[in-house]
Amino acid sequence: MDTGDLVLNHRERATLRAVAVGHAEISCSCEPDLFVDGLACCDQHTAHRLAHLGLIIPVRPGSYGERVPAVLTEAGQAALGIPRKTGLELAA
């Protein structure tokens, strides 16, 4: 997904930052719910939008409704301005 024209509000960016630092879990379903620090995200509309935009995904497949760690996709990283890892970092 090209995130060049994607406009995110402050809440969406804050949610992506929580995912980026490992504080979020996502339920495995077609309308995934997000949990931050073990608590249900107060804005599930935001969670659904970020998932449907392909910015956050479960770290691994799970059973329907199972909560698994959430991670940013490359598009999610780009939306936050996180540089993409090239693999060259390991050579240094």
PDB file of N, CA and C in Angstrom:
ATOM      1  N   MET A   1       0.837  -1.189   0.000  1.00  0.00           N
ATOM      2  CA  MET A   1       0.000   0.000   0.000  1.00  0.00           C
ATOM      3  C   MET A   1       0.874   1.241   0.000  1.00  0.00           C
ATOM      4  N   ASP A   2       0.525   2.195  -0.818  1.00  0.00           N
ATOM      5  CA  ASP A   2       1.225   3.469  -0.863  1.00  0.00           C
ATOM      6  C   ASP A   2       0.642   4.373   0.213  1.00  0.00           C
ATOM      7  N   THR A   3       1.460   4.727   1.199  1.00  0.00           N
ATOM      8  CA  THR A   3       0.981   5.569   2.294  1.00  0.00           C
ATOM      9  C   THR A   3       1.283   7.037   2.069  1.00  0.00           C
ATOM     10  N   GLY A   4       1.759   7.377   0.877  1.00  0.00           N
ATOM     11  CA  GLY A   4       2.129   8.757   0.592  1.00  0.00           C
ATOM     12  C   GLY A   4       1.000   9.753   0.795  1.00  0.00           C
ATOM     13  N   ASP A   5      -0.215   9.394   0.425  1.00  0.00           N
ATOM     14  CA  ASP A   5      -1.359  10.297   0.539  1.00  0.00           C
ATOM     15  C   ASP A   5      -2.229   9.995   1.756  1.00  0.00           C
ATOM     16  N   LEU A   6      -1.840   9.034   2.564  1.00  0.00           N
ATOM     17  CA  LEU A   6      -2.635   8.625   3.714  1.00  0.00           C
ATOM     18  C   LEU A   6      -2.547   9.676   4.814  1.00  0.00           C
ATOM     19  N   VAL A   7      -3.698  10.125   5.282  1.00  0.00           N
ATOM     20  CA  VAL A   7      -3.748  11.098   6.369  1.00  0.00           C
ATOM     21  C   VAL A   7      -4.245  10.374   7.619  1.00  0.00           C
ATOM     22  N   LEU A   8      -3.449  10.417   8.665  1.00  0.00           N
ATOM     23  CA  LEU A   8      -3.817   9.795   9.937  1.00  0.00           C
ATOM     24  C   LEU A   8      -4.031  10.879  10.978  1.00  0.00           C
ATOM     25  N   ASN A   9      -5.039  10.689  11.825  1.00  0.00           N
ATOM     26  CA  ASN A   9      -5.256  11.652  12.903  1.00  0.00           C
ATOM     27  C   ASN A   9      -4.339  11.316  14.081  1.00  0.00           C
ATOM     28  N   HIS A  10      -4.365  12.142  15.099  1.00  0.00           N
ATOM     29  CA  HIS A  10      -3.463  11.964  16.249  1.00  0.00           C
ATOM     30  C   HIS A  10      -3.718  10.640  16.960  1.00  0.00           C
ATOM     31  N   ARG A  11      -4.974  10.252  17.100  1.00  0.00           N
ATOM     32  CA  ARG A  11      -5.299   8.997  17.782  1.00  0.00           C
ATOM     33  C   ARG A  11      -4.773   7.801  16.999  1.00  0.00           C
ATOM     34  N   GLU A  12      -4.905   7.847  15.682  1.00  0.00           N
ATOM     35  CA  GLU A  12      -4.399   6.748  14.852  1.00  0.00           C
ATOM     36  C   GLU A  12      -2.882   6.641  14.958  1.00  0.00           C
ATOM     37  N   ARG A  13      -2.213   7.770  14.944  1.00  0.00           N
ATOM     38  CA  ARG A  13      -0.745   7.755  15.070  1.00  0.00           C
ATOM     39  C   ARG A  13      -0.325   7.255  16.447  1.00  0.00           C
ATOM     40  N   ALA A  14      -1.041   7.652  17.493  1.00  0.00           N
ATOM     41  CA  ALA A  14      -0.727   7.181  18.847  1.00  0.00           C
ATOM     42  C   ALA A  14      -0.941   5.667  18.950  1.00  0.00           C
ATOM     43  N   THR A  15      -1.988   5.177  18.310  1.00  0.00           N
ATOM     44  CA  THR A  15      -2.252   3.744  18.313  1.00  0.00           C
ATOM     45  C   THR A  15      -1.143   2.997  17.585  1.00  0.00           C
ATOM     46  N   LEU A  16      -0.714   3.522  16.453  1.00  0.00           N
ATOM     47  CA  LEU A  16       0.395   2.896  15.731  1.00  0.00           C
ATOM     48  C   LEU A  16       1.672   2.901  16.566  1.00  0.00           C
ATOM     49  N   ARG A  17       1.918   3.966  17.303  1.00  0.00           N
ATOM     50  CA  ARG A  17       3.111   4.015  18.163  1.00  0.00           C
ATOM     51  C   ARG A  17       3.032   2.954  19.267  1.00  0.00           C
ATOM     52  N   ALA A  18       1.838   2.729  19.822  1.00  0.00           N
ATOM     53  CA  ALA A  18       1.675   1.695  20.850  1.00  0.00           C
ATOM     54  C   ALA A  18       1.972   0.314  20.274  1.00  0.00           C
ATOM     55  N   VAL A  19       1.526   0.092  19.048  1.00  0.00           N
ATOM     56  CA  VAL A  19       1.822  -1.181  18.382  1.00  0.00           C
ATOM     57  C   VAL A  19       3.324  -1.292  18.127  1.00  0.00           C
ATOM     58  N   ALA A  20       3.931  -0.208  17.666  1.00  0.00           N
ATOM     59  CA  ALA A  20       5.358  -0.214  17.318  1.00  0.00           C
ATOM     60  C   ALA A  20       6.249  -0.581  18.498  1.00  0.00           C
ATOM     61  N   VAL A  21       5.864  -0.177  19.703  1.00  0.00           N
ATOM     62  CA  VAL A  21       6.707  -0.458  20.870  1.00  0.00           C
ATOM     63  C   VAL A  21       6.296  -1.734  21.598  1.00  0.00           C
ATOM     64  N   GLY A  22       5.367  -2.491  21.003  1.00  0.00           N
ATOM     65  CA  GLY A  22       5.038  -3.798  21.554  1.00  0.00           C
ATOM     66  C   GLY A  22       4.004  -3.819  22.657  1.00  0.00           C
ATOM     67  N   HIS A  23       3.172  -2.791  22.761  1.00  0.00           N
ATOM     68  CA  HIS A  23       2.163  -2.730  23.817  1.00  0.00           C
ATOM     69  C   HIS A  23       0.794  -3.238  23.389  1.00  0.00           C
ATOM     70  N   ALA A  24       0.667  -3.769  22.173  1.00  0.00           N
ATOM     71  CA  ALA A  24      -0.665  -4.085  21.657  1.00  0.00           C
ATOM     72  C   ALA A  24      -0.814  -5.548  21.253  1.00  0.00           C
ATOM     73  N   GLU A  25      -2.029  -6.036  21.449  1.00  0.00           N
ATOM     74  CA  GLU A  25      -2.455  -7.339  20.951  1.00  0.00           C
ATOM     75  C   GLU A  25      -3.658  -7.104  20.046  1.00  0.00           C
ATOM     76  N   ILE A  26      -3.865  -8.014  19.108  1.00  0.00           N
ATOM     77  CA  ILE A  26      -4.979  -7.909  18.171  1.00  0.00           C
ATOM     78  C   ILE A  26      -5.706  -9.241  18.142  1.00  0.00           C
ATOM     79  N   SER A  27      -7.027  -9.181  18.050  1.00  0.00           N
ATOM     80  CA  SER A  27      -7.793 -10.420  17.968  1.00  0.00           C
ATOM     81  C   SER A  27      -7.802 -10.906  16.518  1.00  0.00           C
ATOM     82  N   CYS A  28      -7.780 -12.201  16.349  1.00  0.00           N
ATOM     83  CA  CYS A  28      -7.800 -12.804  15.020  1.00  0.00           C
ATOM     84  C   CYS A  28      -9.252 -12.938  14.576  1.00  0.00           C
ATOM     85  N   SER A  29      -9.689 -12.035  13.732  1.00  0.00           N
ATOM     86  CA  SER A  29     -11.045 -12.051  13.201  1.00  0.00           C
ATOM     87  C   SER A  29     -11.121 -11.093  12.028  1.00  0.00           C
ATOM     88  N   CYS A  30     -12.256 -11.102  11.333  1.00  0.00           N
ATOM     89  CA  CYS A  30     -12.399 -10.201  10.183  1.00  0.00           C
ATOM     90  C   CYS A  30     -12.538  -8.747  10.635  1.00  0.00           C
ATOM     91  N   GLU A  31     -13.010  -8.515  11.851  1.00  0.00           N
ATOM     92  CA  GLU A  31     -13.053  -7.181  12.454  1.00  0.00           C
ATOM     93  C   GLU A  31     -12.193  -7.231  13.714  1.00  0.00           C
ATOM     94  N   PRO A  32     -10.868  -7.150  13.542  1.00  0.00           N
ATOM     95  CA  PRO A  32      -9.972  -7.340  14.674  1.00  0.00           C
ATOM     96  C   PRO A  32     -10.100  -6.243  15.728  1.00  0.00           C
ATOM     97  N   ASP A  33     -10.140  -6.675  16.975  1.00  0.00           N
ATOM     98  CA  ASP A  33     -10.138  -5.735  18.091  1.00  0.00           C
ATOM     99  C   ASP A  33      -8.708  -5.581  18.583  1.00  0.00           C
ATOM    100  N   LEU A  34      -8.403  -4.423  19.120  1.00  0.00           N
ATOM    101  CA  LEU A  34      -7.062  -4.127  19.585  1.00  0.00           C
ATOM    102  C   LEU A  34      -7.088  -3.962  21.093  1.00  0.00           C
ATOM    103  N   PHE A  35      -6.048  -4.452  21.740  1.00  0.00           N
ATOM    104  CA  PHE A  35      -5.890  -4.361  23.190  1.00  0.00           C
ATOM    105  C   PHE A  35      -4.527  -3.736  23.455  1.00  0.00           C
ATOM    106  N   VAL A  36      -4.504  -2.699  24.281  1.00  0.00           N
ATOM    107  CA  VAL A  36      -3.267  -2.001  24.608  1.00  0.00           C
ATOM    108  C   VAL A  36      -3.001  -2.198  26.093  1.00  0.00           C
ATOM    109  N   ASP A  37      -1.834  -2.738  26.393  1.00  0.00           N
ATOM    110  CA  ASP A  37      -1.464  -3.062  27.776  1.00  0.00           C
ATOM    111  C   ASP A  37      -2.534  -3.911  28.445  1.00  0.00           C
ATOM    112  N   GLY A  38      -3.131  -4.830  27.681  1.00  0.00           N
ATOM    113  CA  GLY A  38      -4.116  -5.765  28.215  1.00  0.00           C
ATOM    114  C   GLY A  38      -5.539  -5.246  28.269  1.00  0.00           C
ATOM    115  N   LEU A  39      -5.747  -3.984  27.984  1.00  0.00           N
ATOM    116  CA  LEU A  39      -7.088  -3.393  28.035  1.00  0.00           C
ATOM    117  C   LEU A  39      -7.609  -3.147  26.624  1.00  0.00           C
ATOM    118  N   ALA A  40      -8.916  -3.303  26.456  1.00  0.00           N
ATOM    119  CA  ALA A  40      -9.511  -3.043  25.149  1.00  0.00           C
ATOM    120  C   ALA A  40      -9.260  -1.598  24.744  1.00  0.00           C
ATOM    121  N   CYS A  41      -8.854  -1.408  23.511  1.00  0.00           N
ATOM    122  CA  CYS A  41      -8.642  -0.070  22.964  1.00  0.00           C
ATOM    123  C   CYS A  41      -9.948   0.710  23.058  1.00  0.00           C
ATOM    124  N   CYS A  42      -9.878   1.955  23.486  1.00  0.00           N
ATOM    125  CA  CYS A  42     -11.091   2.750  23.678  1.00  0.00           C
ATOM    126  C   CYS A  42     -11.744   3.151  22.359  1.00  0.00           C
ATOM    127  N   ASP A  43     -11.052   2.994  21.256  1.00  0.00           N
ATOM    128  CA  ASP A  43     -11.594   3.392  19.958  1.00  0.00           C
ATOM    129  C   ASP A  43     -11.407   2.248  18.967  1.00  0.00           C
ATOM    130  N   GLN A  44     -12.346   1.314  18.979  1.00  0.00           N
ATOM    131  CA  GLN A  44     -12.222   0.159  18.094  1.00  0.00           C
ATOM    132  C   GLN A  44     -12.388   0.569  16.630  1.00  0.00           C
ATOM    133  N   HIS A  45     -13.070   1.673  16.364  1.00  0.00           N
ATOM    134  CA  HIS A  45     -13.162   2.154  14.981  1.00  0.00           C
ATOM    135  C   HIS A  45     -11.760   2.434  14.440  1.00  0.00           C
ATOM    136  N   THR A  46     -10.932   3.059  15.258  1.00  0.00           N
ATOM    137  CA  THR A  46      -9.547   3.321  14.862  1.00  0.00           C
ATOM    138  C   THR A  46      -8.806   2.014  14.633  1.00  0.00           C
ATOM    139  N   ALA A  47      -8.967   1.065  15.534  1.00  0.00           N
ATOM    140  CA  ALA A  47      -8.296  -0.232  15.391  1.00  0.00           C
ATOM    141  C   ALA A  47      -8.717  -0.918  14.100  1.00  0.00           C
ATOM    142  N   HIS A  48     -10.008  -0.908  13.813  1.00  0.00           N
ATOM    143  CA  HIS A  48     -10.506  -1.543  12.594  1.00  0.00           C
ATOM    144  C   HIS A  48      -9.949  -0.834  11.359  1.00  0.00           C
ATOM    145  N   ARG A  49      -9.931   0.496  11.388  1.00  0.00           N
ATOM    146  CA  ARG A  49      -9.427   1.265  10.235  1.00  0.00           C
ATOM    147  C   ARG A  49      -7.962   0.950   9.977  1.00  0.00           C
ATOM    148  N   LEU A  50      -7.147   0.923  11.026  1.00  0.00           N
ATOM    149  CA  LEU A  50      -5.721   0.639  10.857  1.00  0.00           C
ATOM    150  C   LEU A  50      -5.496  -0.767  10.316  1.00  0.00           C
ATOM    151  N   ALA A  51      -6.297  -1.717  10.781  1.00  0.00           N
ATOM    152  CA  ALA A  51      -6.182  -3.094  10.291  1.00  0.00           C
ATOM    153  C   ALA A  51      -6.627  -3.189   8.836  1.00  0.00           C
ATOM    154  N   HIS A  52      -7.756  -2.561   8.509  1.00  0.00           N
ATOM    155  CA  HIS A  52      -8.267  -2.634   7.137  1.00  0.00           C
ATOM    156  C   HIS A  52      -7.374  -1.881   6.149  1.00  0.00           C
ATOM    157  N   LEU A  53      -6.667  -0.867   6.629  1.00  0.00           N
ATOM    158  CA  LEU A  53      -5.707  -0.165   5.779  1.00  0.00           C
ATOM    159  C   LEU A  53      -4.412  -0.960   5.603  1.00  0.00           C
ATOM    160  N   GLY A  54      -4.277  -2.044   6.364  1.00  0.00           N
ATOM    161  CA  GLY A  54      -3.077  -2.865   6.266  1.00  0.00           C
ATOM    162  C   GLY A  54      -1.885  -2.283   6.992  1.00  0.00           C
ATOM    163  N   LEU A  55      -2.135  -1.475   8.023  1.00  0.00           N
ATOM    164  CA  LEU A  55      -1.044  -0.863   8.782  1.00  0.00           C
ATOM    165  C   LEU A  55      -0.632  -1.699   9.989  1.00  0.00           C
ATOM    166  N   ILE A  56      -1.565  -2.492  10.518  1.00  0.00           N
ATOM    167  CA  ILE A  56      -1.267  -3.392  11.632  1.00  0.00           C
ATOM    168  C   ILE A  56      -1.799  -4.779  11.297  1.00  0.00           C
ATOM    169  N   ILE A  57      -1.080  -5.791  11.770  1.00  0.00           N
ATOM    170  CA  ILE A  57      -1.475  -7.177  11.544  1.00  0.00           C
ATOM    171  C   ILE A  57      -1.092  -8.012  12.770  1.00  0.00           C
ATOM    172  N   PRO A  58      -1.679  -9.205  12.894  1.00  0.00           N
ATOM    173  CA  PRO A  58      -1.222 -10.110  13.944  1.00  0.00           C
ATOM    174  C   PRO A  58       0.187 -10.604  13.614  1.00  0.00           C
ATOM    175  N   VAL A  59       0.992 -10.829  14.628  1.00  0.00           N
ATOM    176  CA  VAL A  59       2.356 -11.298  14.413  1.00  0.00           C
ATOM    177  C   VAL A  59       2.372 -12.726  13.852  1.00  0.00           C
ATOM    178  N   ARG A  60       1.302 -13.474  14.126  1.00  0.00           N
ATOM    179  CA  ARG A  60       1.184 -14.848  13.645  1.00  0.00           C
ATOM    180  C   ARG A  60      -0.288 -15.186  13.509  1.00  0.00           C
ATOM    181  N   PRO A  61      -0.616 -16.205  12.729  1.00  0.00           N
ATOM    182  CA  PRO A  61      -2.006 -16.645  12.653  1.00  0.00           C
ATOM    183  C   PRO A  61      -2.463 -17.184  14.012  1.00  0.00           C
ATOM    184  N   GLY A  62      -3.737 -17.104  14.265  1.00  0.00           N
ATOM    185  CA  GLY A  62      -4.288 -17.622  15.518  1.00  0.00           C
ATOM    186  C   GLY A  62      -5.695 -18.132  15.287  1.00  0.00           C
ATOM    187  N   SER A  63      -6.233 -18.759  16.290  1.00  0.00           N
ATOM    188  CA  SER A  63      -7.614 -19.228  16.234  1.00  0.00           C
ATOM    189  C   SER A  63      -8.543 -18.028  16.219  1.00  0.00           C
ATOM    190  N   TYR A  64      -9.750 -18.231  15.692  1.00  0.00           N
ATOM    191  CA  TYR A  64     -10.727 -17.147  15.644  1.00  0.00           C
ATOM    192  C   TYR A  64     -10.932 -16.568  17.043  1.00  0.00           C
ATOM    193  N   GLY A  65     -10.742 -15.267  17.173  1.00  0.00           N
ATOM    194  CA  GLY A  65     -10.927 -14.574  18.434  1.00  0.00           C
ATOM    195  C   GLY A  65      -9.713 -14.567  19.346  1.00  0.00           C
ATOM    196  N   GLU A  66      -8.707 -15.369  19.042  1.00  0.00           N
ATOM    197  CA  GLU A  66      -7.497 -15.414  19.875  1.00  0.00           C
ATOM    198  C   GLU A  66      -6.767 -14.078  19.793  1.00  0.00           C
ATOM    199  N   ARG A  67      -6.218 -13.648  20.914  1.00  0.00           N
ATOM    200  CA  ARG A  67      -5.417 -12.430  20.950  1.00  0.00           C
ATOM    201  C   ARG A  67      -3.951 -12.789  20.776  1.00  0.00           C
ATOM    202  N   VAL A  68      -3.318 -12.135  19.818  1.00  0.00           N
ATOM    203  CA  VAL A  68      -1.894 -12.339  19.559  1.00  0.00           C
ATOM    204  C   VAL A  68      -1.232 -10.966  19.467  1.00  0.00           C
ATOM    205  N   PRO A  69       0.075 -10.901  19.623  1.00  0.00           N
ATOM    206  CA  PRO A  69       0.737  -9.601  19.505  1.00  0.00           C
ATOM    207  C   PRO A  69       0.463  -8.950  18.148  1.00  0.00           C
ATOM    208  N   ALA A  70       0.287  -7.652  18.165  1.00  0.00           N
ATOM    209  CA  ALA A  70       0.097  -6.872  16.937  1.00  0.00           C
ATOM    210  C   ALA A  70       1.433  -6.266  16.532  1.00  0.00           C
ATOM    211  N   VAL A  71       1.649  -6.173  15.233  1.00  0.00           N
ATOM    212  CA  VAL A  71       2.867  -5.554  14.708  1.00  0.00           C
ATOM    213  C   VAL A  71       2.494  -4.608  13.579  1.00  0.00           C
ATOM    214  N   LEU A  72       3.395  -3.683  13.310  1.00  0.00           N
ATOM    215  CA  LEU A  72       3.223  -2.791  12.173  1.00  0.00           C
ATOM    216  C   LEU A  72       3.665  -3.497  10.901  1.00  0.00           C
ATOM    217  N   THR A  73       2.951  -3.259   9.834  1.00  0.00           N
ATOM    218  CA  THR A  73       3.404  -3.697   8.524  1.00  0.00           C
ATOM    219  C   THR A  73       4.413  -2.664   8.019  1.00  0.00           C
ATOM    220  N   GLU A  74       4.999  -2.939   6.864  1.00  0.00           N
ATOM    221  CA  GLU A  74       5.893  -1.941   6.273  1.00  0.00           C
ATOM    222  C   GLU A  74       5.137  -0.635   6.021  1.00  0.00           C
ATOM    223  N   ALA A  75       3.876  -0.760   5.614  1.00  0.00           N
ATOM    224  CA  ALA A  75       3.062   0.439   5.382  1.00  0.00           C
ATOM    225  C   ALA A  75       2.828   1.192   6.688  1.00  0.00           C
ATOM    226  N   GLY A  76       2.625   0.464   7.778  1.00  0.00           N
ATOM    227  CA  GLY A  76       2.453   1.091   9.084  1.00  0.00           C
ATOM    228  C   GLY A  76       3.719   1.802   9.536  1.00  0.00           C
ATOM    229  N   GLN A  77       4.852   1.170   9.289  1.00  0.00           N
ATOM    230  CA  GLN A  77       6.128   1.806   9.622  1.00  0.00           C
ATOM    231  C   GLN A  77       6.321   3.074   8.797  1.00  0.00           C
ATOM    232  N   ALA A  78       5.989   2.976   7.525  1.00  0.00           N
ATOM    233  CA  ALA A  78       6.129   4.156   6.649  1.00  0.00           C
ATOM    234  C   ALA A  78       5.206   5.273   7.098  1.00  0.00           C
ATOM    235  N   ALA A  79       3.999   4.925   7.540  1.00  0.00           N
ATOM    236  CA  ALA A  79       3.048   5.938   7.992  1.00  0.00           C
ATOM    237  C   ALA A  79       3.576   6.693   9.203  1.00  0.00           C
ATOM    238  N   LEU A  80       4.387   6.025  10.019  1.00  0.00           N
ATOM    239  CA  LEU A  80       5.000   6.681  11.183  1.00  0.00           C
ATOM    240  C   LEU A  80       6.363   7.284  10.867  1.00  0.00           C
ATOM    241  N   GLY A  81       6.841   7.045   9.663  1.00  0.00           N
ATOM    242  CA  GLY A  81       8.154   7.569   9.290  1.00  0.00           C
ATOM    243  C   GLY A  81       9.298   6.745   9.833  1.00  0.00           C
ATOM    244  N   ILE A  82       9.032   5.474  10.162  1.00  0.00           N
ATOM    245  CA  ILE A  82      10.088   4.584  10.648  1.00  0.00           C
ATOM    246  C   ILE A  82      10.850   4.065   9.440  1.00  0.00           C
ATOM    247  N   PRO A  83      12.160   4.231   9.423  1.00  0.00           N
ATOM    248  CA  PRO A  83      12.934   3.759   8.269  1.00  0.00           C
ATOM    249  C   PRO A  83      12.812   2.245   8.108  1.00  0.00           C
ATOM    250  N   ARG A  84      12.730   1.818   6.877  1.00  0.00           N
ATOM    251  CA  ARG A  84      12.642   0.391   6.576  1.00  0.00           C
ATOM    252  C   ARG A  84      13.990  -0.266   6.779  1.00  0.00           C
ATOM    253  N   LYS A  85      14.009  -1.433   7.398  1.00  0.00           N
ATOM    254  CA  LYS A  85      15.269  -2.157   7.595  1.00  0.00           C
ATOM    255  C   LYS A  85      15.651  -2.826   6.285  1.00  0.00           C
ATOM    256  N   THR A  86      16.904  -2.667   5.916  1.00  0.00           N
ATOM    257  CA  THR A  86      17.375  -3.202   4.647  1.00  0.00           C
ATOM    258  C   THR A  86      18.178  -4.485   4.820  1.00  0.00           C
ATOM    259  N   GLY A  87      18.554  -4.799   6.053  1.00  0.00           N
ATOM    260  CA  GLY A  87      19.412  -5.947   6.283  1.00  0.00           C
ATOM    261  C   GLY A  87      20.875  -5.535   6.334  1.00  0.00           C
ATOM    262  N   LEU A  88      21.188  -4.331   5.849  1.00  0.00           N
ATOM    263  CA  LEU A  88      22.555  -3.856   5.878  1.00  0.00           C
ATOM    264  C   LEU A  88      23.004  -3.501   7.286  1.00  0.00           C
ATOM    265  N   GLU A  89      22.032  -3.299   8.182  1.00  0.00           N
ATOM    266  CA  GLU A  89      22.359  -2.952   9.553  1.00  0.00           C
ATOM    267  C   GLU A  89      23.187  -4.061  10.216  1.00  0.00           C
ATOM    268  N   LEU A  90      22.951  -5.308   9.809  1.00  0.00           N
ATOM    269  CA  LEU A  90      23.665  -6.445  10.391  1.00  0.00           C
ATOM    270  C   LEU A  90      25.116  -6.494   9.960  1.00  0.00           C
ATOM    271  N   ALA A  91      25.415  -5.926   8.807  1.00  0.00           N
ATOM    272  CA  ALA A  91      26.784  -5.952   8.284  1.00  0.00           C
ATOM    273  C   ALA A  91      27.688  -4.971   9.012  1.00  0.00           C
ATOM    274  N   ALA A  92      27.122  -3.990   9.656  1.00  0.00           N
ATOM    275  CA  ALA A  92      27.932  -2.943  10.314  1.00  0.00           C
ATOM    276  C   ALA A  92      28.502  -3.405  11.631  1.00  0.00           C
TER     277      ALA A  92
END
